[in-house]
Amino acid sequence: MLRLILLLSFVAVLALGFLAVLGAVRVLAGDRADKEPDPMPPPFRRISYIVLIMLMLGVTSGWLGAA
């Protein structure tokens, strides 16, 4: 049962990551004249947080780094 919950949460995180990547591509495709661009746009910041959560989930569940 726990594996099913982990699998569903992993799929949900992947879906959120995919939507964040689509949002980032859409932002980069548009022409905007900003005075000073951010060092990291919010969509990419969101993507990095999602990847961090996936990494923590993988390490704690034993999918990554299991010996």
PDB file of N, CA and C in Angstrom:
ATOM      1  N   MET A   1       0.827  -1.197   0.000  1.00  0.00           N
ATOM      2  CA  MET A   1       0.000   0.000   0.000  1.00  0.00           C
ATOM      3  C   MET A   1       0.871   1.260   0.000  1.00  0.00           C
ATOM      4  N   LEU A   2       1.962   1.187   0.767  1.00  0.00           N
ATOM      5  CA  LEU A   2       2.855   2.340   0.832  1.00  0.00           C
ATOM      6  C   LEU A   2       3.528   2.592  -0.519  1.00  0.00           C
ATOM      7  N   ARG A   3       3.842   1.519  -1.238  1.00  0.00           N
ATOM      8  CA  ARG A   3       4.438   1.686  -2.562  1.00  0.00           C
ATOM      9  C   ARG A   3       3.474   2.368  -3.522  1.00  0.00           C
ATOM     10  N   LEU A   4       2.199   2.057  -3.400  1.00  0.00           N
ATOM     11  CA  LEU A   4       1.198   2.698  -4.244  1.00  0.00           C
ATOM     12  C   LEU A   4       1.121   4.194  -3.944  1.00  0.00           C
ATOM     13  N   ILE A   5       1.161   4.541  -2.683  1.00  0.00           N
ATOM     14  CA  ILE A   5       1.126   5.955  -2.299  1.00  0.00           C
ATOM     15  C   ILE A   5       2.363   6.673  -2.813  1.00  0.00           C
ATOM     16  N   LEU A   6       3.529   6.038  -2.672  1.00  0.00           N
ATOM     17  CA  LEU A   6       4.762   6.640  -3.180  1.00  0.00           C
ATOM     18  C   LEU A   6       4.715   6.787  -4.697  1.00  0.00           C
ATOM     19  N   LEU A   7       4.194   5.782  -5.377  1.00  0.00           N
ATOM     20  CA  LEU A   7       4.084   5.855  -6.828  1.00  0.00           C
ATOM     21  C   LEU A   7       3.149   6.980  -7.261  1.00  0.00           C
ATOM     22  N   LEU A   8       2.019   7.103  -6.598  1.00  0.00           N
ATOM     23  CA  LEU A   8       1.071   8.172  -6.937  1.00  0.00           C
ATOM     24  C   LEU A   8       1.662   9.547  -6.650  1.00  0.00           C
ATOM     25  N   SER A   9       2.390   9.678  -5.542  1.00  0.00           N
ATOM     26  CA  SER A   9       3.003  10.971  -5.247  1.00  0.00           C
ATOM     27  C   SER A   9       4.111  11.276  -6.254  1.00  0.00           C
ATOM     28  N   PHE A  10       4.833  10.266  -6.692  1.00  0.00           N
ATOM     29  CA  PHE A  10       5.865  10.465  -7.701  1.00  0.00           C
ATOM     30  C   PHE A  10       5.247  10.905  -9.021  1.00  0.00           C
ATOM     31  N   VAL A  11       4.151  10.299  -9.420  1.00  0.00           N
ATOM     32  CA  VAL A  11       3.458  10.694 -10.654  1.00  0.00           C
ATOM     33  C   VAL A  11       2.938  12.122 -10.542  1.00  0.00           C
ATOM     34  N   ALA A  12       2.430  12.475  -9.372  1.00  0.00           N
ATOM     35  CA  ALA A  12       1.937  13.840  -9.179  1.00  0.00           C
ATOM     36  C   ALA A  12       3.076  14.849  -9.273  1.00  0.00           C
ATOM     37  N   VAL A  13       4.224  14.530  -8.695  1.00  0.00           N
ATOM     38  CA  VAL A  13       5.371  15.431  -8.773  1.00  0.00           C
ATOM     39  C   VAL A  13       5.861  15.552 -10.213  1.00  0.00           C
ATOM     40  N   LEU A  14       5.863  14.449 -10.942  1.00  0.00           N
ATOM     41  CA  LEU A  14       6.244  14.516 -12.353  1.00  0.00           C
ATOM     42  C   LEU A  14       5.285  15.383 -13.162  1.00  0.00           C
ATOM     43  N   ALA A  15       3.996  15.271 -12.878  1.00  0.00           N
ATOM     44  CA  ALA A  15       3.011  16.097 -13.587  1.00  0.00           C
ATOM     45  C   ALA A  15       3.222  17.574 -13.269  1.00  0.00           C
ATOM     46  N   LEU A  16       3.472  17.889 -12.008  1.00  0.00           N
ATOM     47  CA  LEU A  16       3.730  19.282 -11.639  1.00  0.00           C
ATOM     48  C   LEU A  16       5.010  19.798 -12.289  1.00  0.00           C
ATOM     49  N   GLY A  17       6.010  18.953 -12.349  1.00  0.00           N
ATOM     50  CA  GLY A  17       7.248  19.340 -13.014  1.00  0.00           C
ATOM     51  C   GLY A  17       7.045  19.595 -14.494  1.00  0.00           C
ATOM     52  N   PHE A  18       6.266  18.749 -15.131  1.00  0.00           N
ATOM     53  CA  PHE A  18       5.971  18.923 -16.553  1.00  0.00           C
ATOM     54  C   PHE A  18       5.228  20.236 -16.787  1.00  0.00           C
ATOM     55  N   LEU A  19       4.266  20.537 -15.931  1.00  0.00           N
ATOM     56  CA  LEU A  19       3.535  21.798 -16.079  1.00  0.00           C
ATOM     57  C   LEU A  19       4.437  23.002 -15.823  1.00  0.00           C
ATOM     58  N   ALA A  20       5.369  22.869 -14.893  1.00  0.00           N
ATOM     59  CA  ALA A  20       6.299  23.962 -14.639  1.00  0.00           C
ATOM     60  C   ALA A  20       7.220  24.185 -15.832  1.00  0.00           C
ATOM     61  N   VAL A  21       7.669  23.098 -16.452  1.00  0.00           N
ATOM     62  CA  VAL A  21       8.522  23.232 -17.642  1.00  0.00           C
ATOM     63  C   VAL A  21       7.740  23.882 -18.776  1.00  0.00           C
ATOM     64  N   LEU A  22       6.496  23.486 -18.964  1.00  0.00           N
ATOM     65  CA  LEU A  22       5.676  24.124 -19.998  1.00  0.00           C
ATOM     66  C   LEU A  22       5.485  25.614 -19.722  1.00  0.00           C
ATOM     67  N   GLY A  23       5.266  25.957 -18.469  1.00  0.00           N
ATOM     68  CA  GLY A  23       5.131  27.370 -18.113  1.00  0.00           C
ATOM     69  C   GLY A  23       6.411  28.147 -18.368  1.00  0.00           C
ATOM     70  N   ALA A  24       7.560  27.515 -18.065  1.00  0.00           N
ATOM     71  CA  ALA A  24       8.840  28.185 -18.300  1.00  0.00           C
ATOM     72  C   ALA A  24       9.076  28.409 -19.784  1.00  0.00           C
ATOM     73  N   VAL A  25       8.733  27.432 -20.591  1.00  0.00           N
ATOM     74  CA  VAL A  25       8.899  27.580 -22.041  1.00  0.00           C
ATOM     75  C   VAL A  25       7.989  28.672 -22.561  1.00  0.00           C
ATOM     76  N   ARG A  26       6.786  28.735 -22.024  1.00  0.00           N
ATOM     77  CA  ARG A  26       5.848  29.765 -22.472  1.00  0.00           C
ATOM     78  C   ARG A  26       6.336  31.159 -22.084  1.00  0.00           C
ATOM     79  N   VAL A  27       6.936  31.280 -20.897  1.00  0.00           N
ATOM     80  CA  VAL A  27       7.459  32.573 -20.470  1.00  0.00           C
ATOM     81  C   VAL A  27       8.641  32.989 -21.336  1.00  0.00           C
ATOM     82  N   LEU A  28       9.515  32.029 -21.622  1.00  0.00           N
ATOM     83  CA  LEU A  28      10.687  32.364 -22.434  1.00  0.00           C
ATOM     84  C   LEU A  28      10.323  32.638 -23.889  1.00  0.00           C
ATOM     85  N   ALA A  29       9.229  32.095 -24.369  1.00  0.00           N
ATOM     86  CA  ALA A  29       8.837  32.307 -25.754  1.00  0.00           C
ATOM     87  C   ALA A  29       8.257  33.702 -25.980  1.00  0.00           C
ATOM     88  N   GLY A  30       7.675  34.295 -24.946  1.00  0.00           N
ATOM     89  CA  GLY A  30       7.077  35.618 -25.097  1.00  0.00           C
ATOM     90  C   GLY A  30       8.118  36.719 -25.064  1.00  0.00           C
ATOM     91  N   ASP A  31       7.847  37.814 -25.776  1.00  0.00           N
ATOM     92  CA  ASP A  31       8.744  38.970 -25.754  1.00  0.00           C
ATOM     93  C   ASP A  31       8.300  39.928 -24.671  1.00  0.00           C
ATOM     94  N   ARG A  32       9.176  40.113 -23.709  1.00  0.00           N
ATOM     95  CA  ARG A  32       8.894  41.065 -22.638  1.00  0.00           C
ATOM     96  C   ARG A  32      10.102  41.962 -22.477  1.00  0.00           C
ATOM     97  N   ALA A  33       9.866  43.212 -22.249  1.00  0.00           N
ATOM     98  CA  ALA A  33      10.956  44.170 -22.051  1.00  0.00           C
ATOM     99  C   ALA A  33      11.050  44.494 -20.562  1.00  0.00           C
ATOM    100  N   ASP A  34      11.800  43.685 -19.847  1.00  0.00           N
ATOM    101  CA  ASP A  34      12.009  43.931 -18.422  1.00  0.00           C
ATOM    102  C   ASP A  34      13.175  44.894 -18.232  1.00  0.00           C
ATOM    103  N   LYS A  35      13.099  45.689 -17.175  1.00  0.00           N
ATOM    104  CA  LYS A  35      14.197  46.600 -16.882  1.00  0.00           C
ATOM    105  C   LYS A  35      15.441  45.824 -16.463  1.00  0.00           C
ATOM    106  N   GLU A  36      15.250  44.910 -15.538  1.00  0.00           N
ATOM    107  CA  GLU A  36      16.372  44.104 -15.051  1.00  0.00           C
ATOM    108  C   GLU A  36      15.884  42.676 -14.871  1.00  0.00           C
ATOM    109  N   PRO A  37      16.382  41.757 -15.659  1.00  0.00           N
ATOM    110  CA  PRO A  37      15.890  40.380 -15.553  1.00  0.00           C
ATOM    111  C   PRO A  37      16.323  39.728 -14.244  1.00  0.00           C
ATOM    112  N   ASP A  38      15.491  38.840 -13.743  1.00  0.00           N
ATOM    113  CA  ASP A  38      15.817  38.094 -12.541  1.00  0.00           C
ATOM    114  C   ASP A  38      16.954  37.131 -12.838  1.00  0.00           C
ATOM    115  N   PRO A  39      17.777  36.831 -11.830  1.00  0.00           N
ATOM    116  CA  PRO A  39      18.828  35.849 -12.064  1.00  0.00           C
ATOM    117  C   PRO A  39      18.253  34.458 -12.377  1.00  0.00           C
ATOM    118  N   MET A  40      17.103  34.165 -11.796  1.00  0.00           N
ATOM    119  CA  MET A  40      16.441  32.893 -12.097  1.00  0.00           C
ATOM    120  C   MET A  40      14.946  33.172 -12.155  1.00  0.00           C
ATOM    121  N   PRO A  41      14.321  32.996 -13.328  1.00  0.00           N
ATOM    122  CA  PRO A  41      12.887  33.254 -13.446  1.00  0.00           C
ATOM    123  C   PRO A  41      12.074  32.332 -12.532  1.00  0.00           C
ATOM    124  N   PRO A  42      10.907  32.782 -12.083  1.00  0.00           N
ATOM    125  CA  PRO A  42      10.095  31.965 -11.170  1.00  0.00           C
ATOM    126  C   PRO A  42       9.766  30.570 -11.684  1.00  0.00           C
ATOM    127  N   PRO A  43       9.473  30.365 -12.981  1.00  0.00           N
ATOM    128  CA  PRO A  43       9.198  28.982 -13.420  1.00  0.00           C
ATOM    129  C   PRO A  43      10.393  28.048 -13.209  1.00  0.00           C
ATOM    130  N   PHE A  44      11.609  28.543 -13.470  1.00  0.00           N
ATOM    131  CA  PHE A  44      12.783  27.701 -13.261  1.00  0.00           C
ATOM    132  C   PHE A  44      13.030  27.468 -11.769  1.00  0.00           C
ATOM    133  N   ARG A  45      12.719  28.442 -10.950  1.00  0.00           N
ATOM    134  CA  ARG A  45      12.826  28.262  -9.505  1.00  0.00           C
ATOM    135  C   ARG A  45      11.862  27.175  -9.050  1.00  0.00           C
ATOM    136  N   ARG A  46      10.652  27.181  -9.584  1.00  0.00           N
ATOM    137  CA  ARG A  46       9.661  26.158  -9.251  1.00  0.00           C
ATOM    138  C   ARG A  46      10.132  24.779  -9.711  1.00  0.00           C
ATOM    139  N   ILE A  47      10.728  24.717 -10.901  1.00  0.00           N
ATOM    140  CA  ILE A  47      11.246  23.445 -11.405  1.00  0.00           C
ATOM    141  C   ILE A  47      12.334  22.913 -10.487  1.00  0.00           C
ATOM    142  N   SER A  48      13.213  23.790 -10.031  1.00  0.00           N
ATOM    143  CA  SER A  48      14.297  23.337  -9.151  1.00  0.00           C
ATOM    144  C   SER A  48      13.752  22.831  -7.823  1.00  0.00           C
ATOM    145  N   TYR A  49      12.708  23.459  -7.290  1.00  0.00           N
ATOM    146  CA  TYR A  49      12.103  22.964  -6.050  1.00  0.00           C
ATOM    147  C   TYR A  49      11.456  21.594  -6.270  1.00  0.00           C
ATOM    148  N   ILE A  50      10.809  21.398  -7.406  1.00  0.00           N
ATOM    149  CA  ILE A  50      10.172  20.110  -7.686  1.00  0.00           C
ATOM    150  C   ILE A  50      11.225  19.016  -7.831  1.00  0.00           C
ATOM    151  N   VAL A  51      12.327  19.331  -8.508  1.00  0.00           N
ATOM    152  CA  VAL A  51      13.398  18.347  -8.645  1.00  0.00           C
ATOM    153  C   VAL A  51      13.998  18.022  -7.280  1.00  0.00           C
ATOM    154  N   LEU A  52      14.124  19.024  -6.417  1.00  0.00           N
ATOM    155  CA  LEU A  52      14.629  18.783  -5.070  1.00  0.00           C
ATOM    156  C   LEU A  52      13.702  17.852  -4.289  1.00  0.00           C
ATOM    157  N   ILE A  53      12.408  18.054  -4.399  1.00  0.00           N
ATOM    158  CA  ILE A  53      11.445  17.188  -3.711  1.00  0.00           C
ATOM    159  C   ILE A  53      11.528  15.772  -4.253  1.00  0.00           C
ATOM    160  N   MET A  54      11.661  15.632  -5.594  1.00  0.00           N
ATOM    161  CA  MET A  54      11.787  14.294  -6.181  1.00  0.00           C
ATOM    162  C   MET A  54      13.054  13.608  -5.688  1.00  0.00           C
ATOM    163  N   LEU A  55      14.152  14.350  -5.583  1.00  0.00           N
ATOM    164  CA  LEU A  55      15.397  13.784  -5.097  1.00  0.00           C
ATOM    165  C   LEU A  55      15.261  13.336  -3.643  1.00  0.00           C
ATOM    166  N   MET A  56      14.645  14.162  -2.808  1.00  0.00           N
ATOM    167  CA  MET A  56      14.455  13.783  -1.406  1.00  0.00           C
ATOM    168  C   MET A  56      13.536  12.577  -1.283  1.00  0.00           C
ATOM    169  N   LEU A  57      12.490  12.516  -2.096  1.00  0.00           N
ATOM    170  CA  LEU A  57      11.589  11.360  -2.077  1.00  0.00           C
ATOM    171  C   LEU A  57      12.323  10.101  -2.512  1.00  0.00           C
ATOM    172  N   GLY A  58      13.154  10.212  -3.524  1.00  0.00           N
ATOM    173  CA  GLY A  58      13.905   9.059  -4.004  1.00  0.00           C
ATOM    174  C   GLY A  58      14.919   8.556  -2.996  1.00  0.00           C
ATOM    175  N   VAL A  59      15.580   9.465  -2.296  1.00  0.00           N
ATOM    176  CA  VAL A  59      16.582   9.058  -1.313  1.00  0.00           C
ATOM    177  C   VAL A  59      15.917   8.444  -0.092  1.00  0.00           C
ATOM    178  N   THR A  60      14.842   9.059   0.388  1.00  0.00           N
ATOM    179  CA  THR A  60      14.204   8.538   1.593  1.00  0.00           C
ATOM    180  C   THR A  60      13.472   7.227   1.353  1.00  0.00           C
ATOM    181  N   SER A  61      12.973   7.021   0.144  1.00  0.00           N
ATOM    182  CA  SER A  61      12.269   5.766  -0.138  1.00  0.00           C
ATOM    183  C   SER A  61      13.227   4.650  -0.527  1.00  0.00           C
ATOM    184  N   GLY A  62      14.472   4.982  -0.835  1.00  0.00           N
ATOM    185  CA  GLY A  62      15.446   3.971  -1.198  1.00  0.00           C
ATOM    186  C   GLY A  62      15.578   3.764  -2.685  1.00  0.00           C
ATOM    187  N   TRP A  63      14.874   4.516  -3.492  1.00  0.00           N
ATOM    188  CA  TRP A  63      14.988   4.376  -4.951  1.00  0.00           C
ATOM    189  C   TRP A  63      16.343   4.879  -5.428  1.00  0.00           C
ATOM    190  N   LEU A  64      16.845   5.935  -4.781  1.00  0.00           N
ATOM    191  CA  LEU A  64      18.152   6.482  -5.141  1.00  0.00           C
ATOM    192  C   LEU A  64      19.125   6.240  -3.987  1.00  0.00           C
ATOM    193  N   GLY A  65      20.281   5.792  -4.288  1.00  0.00           N
ATOM    194  CA  GLY A  65      21.308   5.615  -3.274  1.00  0.00           C
ATOM    195  C   GLY A  65      21.125   4.408  -2.388  1.00  0.00           C
ATOM    196  N   ALA A  66      20.267   3.492  -2.768  1.00  0.00           N
ATOM    197  CA  ALA A  66      20.058   2.296  -1.948  1.00  0.00           C
ATOM    198  C   ALA A  66      21.226   1.344  -2.141  1.00  0.00           C
ATOM    199  N   ALA A  67      21.682   0.791  -1.041  1.00  0.00           N
ATOM    200  CA  ALA A  67      22.810  -0.152  -1.123  1.00  0.00           C
ATOM    201  C   ALA A  67      22.398  -1.504  -0.591  1.00  0.00           C
TER     202      ALA A  67
END
